[in-house]
Protein backbone atom coordinates (compact mmCIF):
# COMPACT_ATOMS: atom_id res chain seq x y z
CA MET A 1 -55.79 -15.13 116.39
CA ILE A 2 -52.71 -13.06 117.16
CA ASN A 3 -52.67 -9.87 115.11
CA ALA A 4 -50.13 -7.20 116.00
CA THR A 5 -49.91 -4.30 113.58
CA GLY A 6 -47.82 -1.15 113.85
CA GLY A 7 -44.48 -2.79 114.56
CA ILE A 8 -45.36 -4.08 118.00
CA ARG A 9 -42.54 -5.91 119.80
CA MET A 10 -43.65 -9.27 121.17
CA ALA A 11 -42.19 -12.02 123.26
CA ILE A 12 -41.91 -15.55 121.92
CA VAL A 13 -45.12 -17.04 120.54
CA GLN A 14 -45.38 -20.68 121.60
CA ILE A 15 -48.20 -23.03 120.71
CA TRP A 16 -47.45 -25.51 123.47
CA TYR A 17 -50.31 -27.85 124.32
CA SER A 18 -52.20 -29.13 121.31
CA SER A 19 -53.89 -26.04 119.92
CA SER A 20 -56.01 -26.02 116.77
CA ASN A 21 -57.21 -23.39 114.30
CA VAL A 22 -54.72 -20.72 115.32
CA CYS A 23 -53.70 -17.73 113.17
CA ILE A 24 -50.61 -15.62 113.92
CA GLU A 25 -50.20 -12.71 111.52
CA ASP A 26 -48.89 -9.16 110.96
CA SER A 27 -46.44 -9.24 113.86
CA TYR A 28 -42.89 -8.11 114.62
CA ILE A 29 -41.18 -10.40 117.11
CA SER A 30 -37.83 -9.93 118.81
CA THR A 31 -36.88 -12.50 121.42
CA GLY A 32 -34.15 -14.69 122.84
CA ASP A 33 -35.84 -17.93 121.77
CA ASP A 34 -37.69 -19.23 118.68
CA LEU A 35 -39.93 -16.54 117.19
CA VAL A 36 -42.87 -18.89 116.63
CA ALA A 37 -42.70 -22.41 118.06
CA ILE A 38 -45.40 -25.02 117.53
CA LYS A 39 -45.48 -27.86 120.05
CA SER A 40 -47.94 -30.43 121.43
CA GLY A 41 -46.89 -31.53 124.87
CA TRP A 42 -43.73 -32.70 126.59
CA ASP A 43 -43.40 -36.44 127.10
CA GLU A 44 -46.03 -38.00 129.42
CA ASN A 45 -48.00 -34.74 129.61
CA GLY A 46 -48.43 -34.79 125.86
CA ILE A 47 -49.31 -38.48 125.90
CA ALA A 48 -51.96 -37.93 128.58
CA TYR A 49 -53.64 -35.16 126.56
CA GLY A 50 -53.28 -37.08 123.31
CA ARG A 51 -54.14 -34.39 120.76
CA PRO A 52 -52.10 -32.78 117.98
CA SER A 53 -51.55 -29.14 117.26
CA SER A 54 -53.24 -28.61 113.90
CA GLY A 55 -54.64 -26.01 111.57
CA ILE A 56 -51.94 -23.42 112.34
CA THR A 57 -51.52 -20.41 110.00
CA ILE A 58 -48.54 -18.06 110.31
CA ARG A 59 -48.19 -15.15 107.91
CA ARG A 60 -46.55 -11.76 107.50
CA ILE A 61 -44.13 -12.18 110.40
CA THR A 62 -40.89 -10.20 110.72
CA GLY A 63 -38.36 -10.76 113.46
CA SER A 64 -34.93 -11.56 114.83
CA SER A 65 -33.60 -14.10 117.31
CA PRO A 66 -30.43 -16.07 118.10
CA PHE A 67 -32.58 -19.20 117.74
CA ALA A 68 -35.19 -20.16 115.08
CA GLY A 69 -37.64 -18.10 113.08
CA ILE A 70 -40.36 -20.67 112.36
CA ALA A 71 -40.02 -23.79 114.53
CA VAL A 72 -41.96 -27.01 114.94
CA GLY A 73 -41.02 -29.00 118.04
CA SER A 74 -39.23 -30.41 119.66
CA GLU A 75 -41.96 -31.26 122.21
CA THR A 76 -44.42 -33.00 119.88
CA TYR A 77 -45.81 -36.00 121.75
CA GLY A 78 -49.31 -35.21 120.52
CA GLY A 79 -48.11 -34.57 116.98
CA VAL A 80 -48.18 -31.47 114.77
CA GLN A 81 -50.05 -31.37 111.47
CA ASN A 82 -51.46 -28.99 108.88
CA VAL A 83 -49.22 -25.96 109.44
CA PHE A 84 -48.98 -23.21 106.83
CA ALA A 85 -46.47 -20.35 107.12
CA GLU A 86 -45.92 -17.68 104.47
CA HIS A 87 -44.40 -14.23 103.93
CA ILE A 88 -41.82 -14.48 106.69
CA ASN A 89 -38.88 -12.04 107.01
CA LEU A 90 -36.01 -13.07 109.27
CA PHE A 91 -32.91 -11.10 110.28
CA ASN A 92 -29.92 -11.96 112.49
CA MET A 93 -31.14 -15.48 113.15
CA GLY A 94 -29.62 -18.65 114.46
CA VAL A 95 -31.80 -20.91 112.26
CA GLY A 96 -34.32 -19.72 109.71
CA ILE A 97 -36.69 -22.71 109.53
CA HIS A 98 -36.34 -25.49 112.11
CA LEU A 99 -38.32 -28.73 112.39
CA LYS A 100 -37.08 -30.72 115.36
CA THR A 101 -38.00 -33.95 117.10
CA ASN A 102 -36.49 -36.86 119.00
CA ILE A 103 -37.02 -40.44 120.12
CA GLY A 104 -40.35 -40.94 121.89
CA ARG A 105 -42.24 -38.20 120.11
CA GLY A 106 -45.15 -38.01 117.70
CA VAL A 107 -45.90 -37.34 114.04
CA ILE A 108 -45.00 -34.09 112.26
CA SER A 109 -46.83 -33.95 108.92
CA ASN A 110 -48.28 -31.64 106.30
CA ILE A 111 -46.04 -28.66 107.01
CA THR A 112 -45.74 -25.92 104.35
CA VAL A 113 -43.42 -22.92 104.60
CA SER A 114 -43.23 -20.50 101.66
CA ASN A 115 -42.13 -17.01 100.67
CA VAL A 116 -39.39 -16.57 103.24
CA TYR A 117 -36.61 -13.97 103.19
CA MET A 118 -33.70 -14.38 105.59
CA GLU A 119 -30.54 -12.35 106.13
CA LYS A 120 -27.54 -12.88 108.42
CA VAL A 121 -28.47 -16.40 109.42
CA ARG A 122 -26.20 -19.11 110.81
CA LEU A 123 -28.20 -22.05 109.37
CA GLY A 124 -30.95 -21.60 106.79
CA ILE A 125 -33.07 -24.76 107.04
CA LYS A 126 -32.72 -27.51 109.64
CA ILE A 127 -34.85 -30.65 110.01
CA ALA A 128 -33.48 -32.93 112.71
CA GLY A 129 -34.43 -36.07 114.62
CA ASN A 130 -32.02 -35.66 117.51
CA VAL A 131 -33.10 -32.38 119.11
CA GLY A 132 -34.66 -31.85 122.52
CA ASP A 133 -34.28 -33.42 125.93
CA HIS A 134 -36.75 -35.13 128.26
CA PRO A 135 -37.92 -34.04 131.73
CA ASP A 136 -37.30 -37.57 133.08
CA ASN A 137 -36.77 -41.16 131.93
CA ASN A 138 -40.45 -42.08 131.69
CA PHE A 139 -40.73 -41.49 127.93
CA ASN A 140 -41.18 -44.39 125.51
CA LYS A 141 -37.69 -45.13 124.26
CA LYS A 142 -39.05 -47.43 121.55
CA ALA A 143 -41.38 -44.85 120.01
CA LEU A 144 -39.88 -43.43 116.83
CA PRO A 145 -40.98 -40.00 115.65
CA VAL A 146 -42.32 -39.52 112.12
CA VAL A 147 -41.62 -36.52 109.91
CA LYS A 148 -43.35 -36.58 106.52
CA ASP A 149 -44.90 -34.37 103.85
CA VAL A 150 -42.93 -31.18 104.41
CA VAL A 151 -42.92 -28.51 101.69
CA ILE A 152 -40.47 -25.58 101.80
CA ARG A 153 -40.49 -23.31 98.76
CA ASP A 154 -39.73 -19.81 97.55
CA VAL A 155 -36.99 -19.03 100.06
CA TRP A 156 -34.30 -16.38 99.49
CA GLY A 157 -31.40 -15.72 101.82
CA LEU A 158 -28.33 -13.50 102.04
CA ASP A 159 -25.32 -13.95 104.32
CA VAL A 160 -26.36 -17.50 105.25
CA GLN A 161 -23.40 -19.38 106.73
CA GLN A 162 -24.77 -22.88 106.10
CA PRO A 163 -27.76 -23.40 103.78
CA GLY A 164 -29.24 -26.59 105.19
CA SER A 165 -29.14 -29.70 107.32
CA ILE A 166 -31.71 -32.52 107.11
CA GLU A 167 -30.93 -35.53 109.28
CA GLY A 168 -33.58 -38.15 109.95
CA LEU A 169 -33.36 -41.27 112.05
CA LYS A 170 -31.93 -44.52 110.75
CA ASN A 171 -35.00 -46.52 111.79
CA SER A 172 -37.46 -43.75 110.93
CA PRO A 173 -36.31 -41.80 107.87
CA PHE A 174 -37.97 -38.49 107.04
CA THR A 175 -40.14 -38.86 103.92
CA GLY A 176 -41.79 -36.51 101.45
CA ILE A 177 -39.35 -33.66 102.10
CA CYS A 178 -40.02 -31.32 99.16
CA LEU A 179 -37.78 -28.31 98.49
CA SER A 180 -38.41 -25.86 95.65
CA LYS A 181 -36.98 -22.51 94.53
CA ILE A 182 -34.62 -22.05 97.45
CA ASN A 183 -31.60 -19.78 97.05
CA LEU A 184 -29.45 -19.24 100.12
CA HIS A 185 -26.29 -17.24 99.54
CA GLY A 186 -23.35 -16.56 101.79
CA GLU A 187 -19.76 -17.38 102.58
CA ILE A 188 -19.59 -20.91 103.92
CA LYS A 189 -17.17 -21.43 106.79
CA PRO A 190 -14.08 -23.50 105.92
CA GLY A 191 -14.62 -27.18 106.64
CA THR A 192 -18.42 -26.82 106.65
CA SER A 193 -20.56 -28.66 104.12
CA PRO A 194 -23.21 -26.48 102.41
CA ARG A 195 -25.83 -29.12 103.23
CA LYS A 196 -25.92 -32.22 105.39
CA CYS A 197 -28.44 -34.97 104.67
CA SER A 198 -29.06 -38.46 105.99
CA ASP A 199 -32.03 -40.81 106.29
CA VAL A 200 -34.31 -38.61 104.19
CA SER A 201 -36.25 -38.93 100.94
CA GLY A 202 -38.11 -36.45 98.78
CA ALA A 203 -37.12 -34.02 96.05
CA ALA A 204 -35.40 -30.71 95.44
CA ILE A 205 -36.00 -28.53 92.39
CA GLY A 206 -34.42 -25.13 91.80
CA VAL A 207 -32.36 -25.25 94.99
CA SER A 208 -29.00 -23.46 95.31
CA PRO A 209 -26.51 -24.43 96.60
CA TRP A 210 -27.44 -27.79 95.11
CA PRO A 211 -28.78 -30.09 97.82
CA CYS A 212 -27.41 -33.46 98.82
CA SER A 213 -27.92 -36.55 96.69
CA GLU A 214 -30.70 -37.97 98.87
CA LEU A 215 -33.06 -35.31 97.51
CA THR A 216 -31.95 -35.27 93.88
CA ASN A 217 -32.80 -38.83 92.85
CA PRO A 218 -35.23 -38.49 89.90
CA GLY A 219 -37.12 -41.55 91.13
CA GLN A 220 -38.16 -39.70 94.30
CA THR A 221 -39.70 -36.65 92.66
CA GLY A 222 -43.11 -38.27 92.38
CA SER A 223 -43.86 -37.93 96.09
CA CYS A 224 -43.39 -34.17 95.75
CA SER A 225 -44.85 -33.56 92.29
CA THR A 226 -48.08 -32.12 93.68
CA PHE A 227 -46.25 -29.49 95.73
CA ILE A 228 -43.24 -28.27 93.78
């Protein structure tokens, strides 16, 4: 458990090699990288260890960074599952919530992020399948990452330049992406779409600006009905 009361200033918190049953709470973090990053091994090192990061709880975190507030990936060869983050306050951020993976990496599943406030943020929510490099060319180029069963709800933002971007992979679409009660306000830069979506399925209820069509098909709501 990481528990830092009294406004302590911490460096980046990274869960790098397949940790389980970790709690990070009551902390103020100011850093030049992601505030909290959950990973599970980089390429062949992650394959050799072969275990996911799981059972991660993050709550009552406040911080600022030019990168992400709550991040999963991109080094996830062992997989990341069963992550719960709540009561997060983010200021002067690059990305508020960032799930990131790439070809040759593992499964990201059962991720819940709720009760988030963000202010002065370049990009509110980003879930992407093309992030992160490799230390060499020994990774499995045929292994497609999986991102599924992600719940993001009760998020409020001010001065957010772009609300969201969710871009899966053509041969491995992201599934069960459930968005609920998300309001991200700000002046969108000219020529920038409020949200970008591709190769994704799920549902969005009570989201403003209104999300892309991939998440508003009434026939897809069933996969998210338990969560939103």
